[in-house]
């Protein structure tokens, strides 16, 4: 189990970012290739990431986030806030 966790959190000598983890877990909201990104940008604005009510940048290390914001139950809860596009 620990080996699987390490695989998702560390990439050969560096910690993965929150964005990299979200691209793996939520590929529709966080597309990784350029064509999908431009297509998705038309439909949605980039989701806001919130931990403990604090907006966090997508480029933050997932390990650092876990160290500082994990709950007592051992989980890190990240809210992905998707706002609808404004009505024209």
N, C-alpha and C. Protein backbone atom coordinates (compact mmCIF):
# COMPACT_ATOMS: atom_id res chain seq x y z
N UNK A 1 0.82 -1.20 0.00
CA UNK A 1 0.00 0.00 0.00
C UNK A 1 0.87 1.26 0.00
N UNK A 2 1.92 1.26 0.82
CA UNK A 2 2.79 2.43 0.88
C UNK A 2 3.48 2.66 -0.46
N UNK A 3 3.86 1.58 -1.14
CA UNK A 3 4.51 1.73 -2.45
C UNK A 3 3.57 2.39 -3.45
N UNK A 4 2.29 2.02 -3.42
CA UNK A 4 1.32 2.65 -4.32
C UNK A 4 1.18 4.14 -4.00
N UNK A 5 1.10 4.47 -2.72
CA UNK A 5 0.97 5.87 -2.31
C UNK A 5 2.17 6.66 -2.79
N UNK A 6 3.37 6.12 -2.60
CA UNK A 6 4.59 6.81 -3.02
C UNK A 6 4.60 7.03 -4.53
N UNK A 7 4.09 6.06 -5.29
CA UNK A 7 4.06 6.18 -6.74
C UNK A 7 3.25 7.39 -7.17
N UNK A 8 2.13 7.63 -6.50
CA UNK A 8 1.26 8.74 -6.89
C UNK A 8 1.73 10.08 -6.36
N UNK A 9 2.64 10.09 -5.40
CA UNK A 9 3.03 11.34 -4.76
C UNK A 9 4.43 11.80 -5.13
N UNK A 10 5.30 10.90 -5.54
CA UNK A 10 6.68 11.27 -5.84
C UNK A 10 7.03 10.85 -7.27
N UNK A 11 7.67 11.76 -8.00
CA UNK A 11 8.14 11.45 -9.35
C UNK A 11 9.65 11.57 -9.34
N UNK A 12 10.32 10.46 -9.41
CA UNK A 12 11.79 10.40 -9.48
C UNK A 12 12.48 11.63 -8.88
N UNK A 13 12.55 11.68 -7.59
CA UNK A 13 13.31 12.72 -6.91
C UNK A 13 12.57 14.01 -6.61
N UNK A 14 11.34 14.14 -7.04
CA UNK A 14 10.61 15.36 -6.69
C UNK A 14 9.16 15.00 -6.35
N UNK A 15 8.59 15.81 -5.51
CA UNK A 15 7.21 15.58 -5.09
C UNK A 15 6.25 16.06 -6.18
N UNK A 16 5.17 15.32 -6.37
CA UNK A 16 4.16 15.74 -7.35
C UNK A 16 3.41 16.96 -6.83
N UNK A 17 2.89 17.72 -7.76
CA UNK A 17 2.09 18.88 -7.39
C UNK A 17 0.62 18.46 -7.27
N UNK A 18 -0.15 19.32 -6.66
CA UNK A 18 -1.58 19.07 -6.54
C UNK A 18 -2.21 18.94 -7.93
N UNK A 19 -1.77 19.76 -8.87
CA UNK A 19 -2.31 19.71 -10.23
C UNK A 19 -2.03 18.36 -10.89
N UNK A 20 -0.83 17.81 -10.71
CA UNK A 20 -0.52 16.51 -11.29
C UNK A 20 -1.41 15.41 -10.72
N UNK A 21 -1.66 15.45 -9.43
CA UNK A 21 -2.52 14.46 -8.80
C UNK A 21 -3.96 14.62 -9.30
N UNK A 22 -4.42 15.86 -9.40
CA UNK A 22 -5.79 16.10 -9.88
C UNK A 22 -5.95 15.71 -11.35
N UNK A 23 -4.91 15.88 -12.14
CA UNK A 23 -4.98 15.44 -13.55
C UNK A 23 -5.15 13.93 -13.63
N UNK A 24 -4.58 13.22 -12.68
CA UNK A 24 -4.73 11.76 -12.65
C UNK A 24 -6.12 11.38 -12.15
N UNK A 25 -6.59 12.05 -11.10
CA UNK A 25 -7.87 11.68 -10.48
C UNK A 25 -9.09 12.25 -11.20
N UNK A 26 -8.97 13.46 -11.75
CA UNK A 26 -10.10 14.15 -12.40
C UNK A 26 -9.69 14.65 -13.78
N UNK A 27 -9.43 13.76 -14.72
CA UNK A 27 -8.93 14.19 -16.03
C UNK A 27 -9.89 15.08 -16.82
N UNK A 28 -11.19 14.97 -16.57
CA UNK A 28 -12.13 15.83 -17.30
C UNK A 28 -12.06 17.29 -16.85
N UNK A 29 -11.79 17.50 -15.57
CA UNK A 29 -11.68 18.86 -15.04
C UNK A 29 -10.29 19.45 -15.21
N UNK A 30 -9.28 18.57 -15.24
CA UNK A 30 -7.89 19.02 -15.35
C UNK A 30 -7.19 18.27 -16.49
N UNK A 31 -7.56 18.56 -17.73
CA UNK A 31 -6.96 17.84 -18.87
C UNK A 31 -5.47 18.11 -18.97
N UNK A 32 -4.74 17.11 -19.46
CA UNK A 32 -3.29 17.25 -19.50
C UNK A 32 -2.77 17.65 -20.87
N UNK A 33 -3.47 17.33 -21.93
CA UNK A 33 -2.91 17.72 -23.24
C UNK A 33 -3.53 19.03 -23.73
N UNK A 34 -2.79 19.71 -24.58
CA UNK A 34 -3.13 21.08 -24.99
C UNK A 34 -4.48 21.18 -25.70
N UNK A 35 -4.81 20.22 -26.55
CA UNK A 35 -6.08 20.27 -27.29
C UNK A 35 -7.27 20.19 -26.34
N UNK A 36 -7.18 19.28 -25.38
CA UNK A 36 -8.26 19.14 -24.41
C UNK A 36 -8.38 20.39 -23.55
N UNK A 37 -7.24 20.99 -23.21
CA UNK A 37 -7.25 22.19 -22.37
C UNK A 37 -7.97 23.34 -23.04
N UNK A 38 -7.69 23.58 -24.33
CA UNK A 38 -8.34 24.69 -25.02
C UNK A 38 -9.83 24.42 -25.20
N UNK A 39 -10.17 23.16 -25.43
CA UNK A 39 -11.58 22.78 -25.57
C UNK A 39 -12.31 22.95 -24.24
N UNK A 40 -11.68 22.53 -23.15
CA UNK A 40 -12.29 22.65 -21.83
C UNK A 40 -12.37 24.10 -21.39
N UNK A 41 -11.43 24.92 -21.81
CA UNK A 41 -11.42 26.33 -21.42
C UNK A 41 -12.65 27.06 -21.94
N UNK A 42 -13.15 26.62 -23.09
CA UNK A 42 -14.35 27.25 -23.63
C UNK A 42 -15.56 26.96 -22.75
N UNK A 43 -15.62 25.74 -22.21
CA UNK A 43 -16.77 25.32 -21.41
C UNK A 43 -16.70 25.80 -19.97
N UNK A 44 -15.53 25.72 -19.37
CA UNK A 44 -15.40 26.01 -17.94
C UNK A 44 -14.21 26.90 -17.66
N UNK A 45 -14.32 27.65 -16.58
CA UNK A 45 -13.15 28.34 -16.08
C UNK A 45 -12.35 27.33 -15.27
N UNK A 46 -11.09 27.64 -15.01
CA UNK A 46 -10.29 26.73 -14.21
C UNK A 46 -10.87 26.64 -12.80
N UNK A 47 -11.07 25.43 -12.29
CA UNK A 47 -11.65 25.27 -10.96
C UNK A 47 -10.74 25.87 -9.88
N UNK A 48 -11.35 26.35 -8.81
CA UNK A 48 -10.61 26.87 -7.67
C UNK A 48 -10.37 25.72 -6.70
N UNK A 49 -9.18 25.65 -6.13
CA UNK A 49 -8.83 24.59 -5.19
C UNK A 49 -8.78 25.18 -3.79
N UNK A 50 -9.50 24.55 -2.87
CA UNK A 50 -9.64 25.09 -1.52
C UNK A 50 -9.37 23.99 -0.50
N UNK A 51 -8.54 24.32 0.51
CA UNK A 51 -8.26 23.40 1.61
C UNK A 51 -8.48 24.18 2.91
N UNK A 52 -9.33 23.67 3.79
CA UNK A 52 -9.66 24.35 5.05
C UNK A 52 -10.16 25.78 4.81
N UNK A 53 -10.83 26.01 3.71
CA UNK A 53 -11.35 27.34 3.40
C UNK A 53 -10.33 28.29 2.81
N UNK A 54 -9.13 27.79 2.57
CA UNK A 54 -8.05 28.62 2.04
C UNK A 54 -7.79 28.24 0.58
N UNK A 55 -7.87 29.18 -0.35
CA UNK A 55 -7.52 28.87 -1.74
C UNK A 55 -6.04 28.50 -1.83
N UNK A 56 -5.74 27.42 -2.53
CA UNK A 56 -4.35 26.98 -2.68
C UNK A 56 -3.98 26.93 -4.16
N UNK A 57 -2.72 27.22 -4.50
CA UNK A 57 -2.31 27.14 -5.90
C UNK A 57 -2.18 25.68 -6.34
N UNK A 58 -2.45 25.43 -7.59
CA UNK A 58 -2.38 24.07 -8.13
C UNK A 58 -0.94 23.56 -8.18
N UNK A 59 0.03 24.45 -8.13
CA UNK A 59 1.43 24.05 -8.25
C UNK A 59 2.07 23.68 -6.91
N UNK A 60 1.31 23.70 -5.82
CA UNK A 60 1.85 23.37 -4.51
C UNK A 60 2.14 21.87 -4.43
N UNK A 61 3.17 21.50 -3.68
CA UNK A 61 3.52 20.09 -3.49
C UNK A 61 2.41 19.39 -2.71
N UNK A 62 2.00 18.23 -3.19
CA UNK A 62 0.95 17.47 -2.51
C UNK A 62 1.45 17.00 -1.14
N UNK A 63 2.74 16.72 -1.02
CA UNK A 63 3.30 16.28 0.25
C UNK A 63 3.28 17.42 1.26
N UNK A 64 3.67 18.62 0.85
CA UNK A 64 3.65 19.78 1.74
C UNK A 64 2.21 20.08 2.18
N UNK A 65 1.29 19.98 1.25
CA UNK A 65 -0.11 20.21 1.59
C UNK A 65 -0.58 19.20 2.63
N UNK A 66 -0.22 17.94 2.44
CA UNK A 66 -0.62 16.88 3.38
C UNK A 66 -0.01 17.13 4.75
N UNK A 67 1.26 17.47 4.78
CA UNK A 67 1.94 17.71 6.07
C UNK A 67 1.26 18.80 6.88
N UNK A 68 0.81 19.84 6.21
CA UNK A 68 0.27 21.00 6.92
C UNK A 68 -1.25 21.01 7.07
N UNK A 69 -1.96 20.28 6.20
CA UNK A 69 -3.42 20.40 6.20
C UNK A 69 -4.18 19.09 6.36
N UNK A 70 -3.51 17.97 6.62
CA UNK A 70 -4.23 16.71 6.80
C UNK A 70 -5.06 16.76 8.08
N UNK A 71 -6.24 16.19 8.03
CA UNK A 71 -7.10 16.12 9.21
C UNK A 71 -6.59 15.02 10.14
N UNK A 72 -7.15 14.95 11.34
CA UNK A 72 -6.75 13.95 12.33
C UNK A 72 -7.01 12.53 11.84
N UNK A 73 -7.94 12.37 10.91
CA UNK A 73 -8.23 11.03 10.39
C UNK A 73 -7.23 10.59 9.33
N UNK A 74 -6.24 11.46 9.02
CA UNK A 74 -5.19 11.09 8.07
C UNK A 74 -5.51 11.42 6.62
N UNK A 75 -6.65 12.03 6.37
CA UNK A 75 -7.02 12.38 5.00
C UNK A 75 -6.76 13.85 4.73
N UNK A 76 -6.48 14.15 3.48
CA UNK A 76 -6.36 15.52 3.01
C UNK A 76 -7.59 15.80 2.16
N UNK A 77 -8.40 16.75 2.58
CA UNK A 77 -9.62 17.07 1.86
C UNK A 77 -9.40 18.33 1.03
N UNK A 78 -9.58 18.19 -0.27
CA UNK A 78 -9.42 19.31 -1.19
C UNK A 78 -10.76 19.54 -1.88
N UNK A 79 -11.29 20.74 -1.74
CA UNK A 79 -12.53 21.09 -2.42
C UNK A 79 -12.19 21.66 -3.79
N UNK A 80 -12.81 21.11 -4.82
CA UNK A 80 -12.64 21.60 -6.18
C UNK A 80 -13.90 22.39 -6.52
N UNK A 81 -13.76 23.70 -6.56
CA UNK A 81 -14.92 24.58 -6.76
C UNK A 81 -14.99 24.98 -8.23
N UNK A 82 -16.04 24.53 -8.89
CA UNK A 82 -16.24 24.85 -10.30
C UNK A 82 -17.39 25.84 -10.39
N UNK A 83 -17.09 27.01 -10.86
CA UNK A 83 -18.12 28.04 -11.01
C UNK A 83 -18.64 28.02 -12.45
N UNK A 84 -19.96 28.13 -12.61
CA UNK A 84 -20.50 28.15 -13.97
C UNK A 84 -20.09 29.43 -14.69
N UNK A 85 -20.00 29.38 -16.01
CA UNK A 85 -19.67 30.59 -16.75
C UNK A 85 -20.77 31.63 -16.58
N UNK A 86 -20.42 32.91 -16.63
CA UNK A 86 -21.43 33.95 -16.47
C UNK A 86 -22.46 33.90 -17.60
N UNK A 87 -23.68 34.26 -17.28
CA UNK A 87 -24.76 34.29 -18.28
C UNK A 87 -24.59 35.55 -19.10
N UNK A 88 -24.67 35.40 -20.40
CA UNK A 88 -24.47 36.56 -21.30
C UNK A 88 -25.78 37.08 -21.79
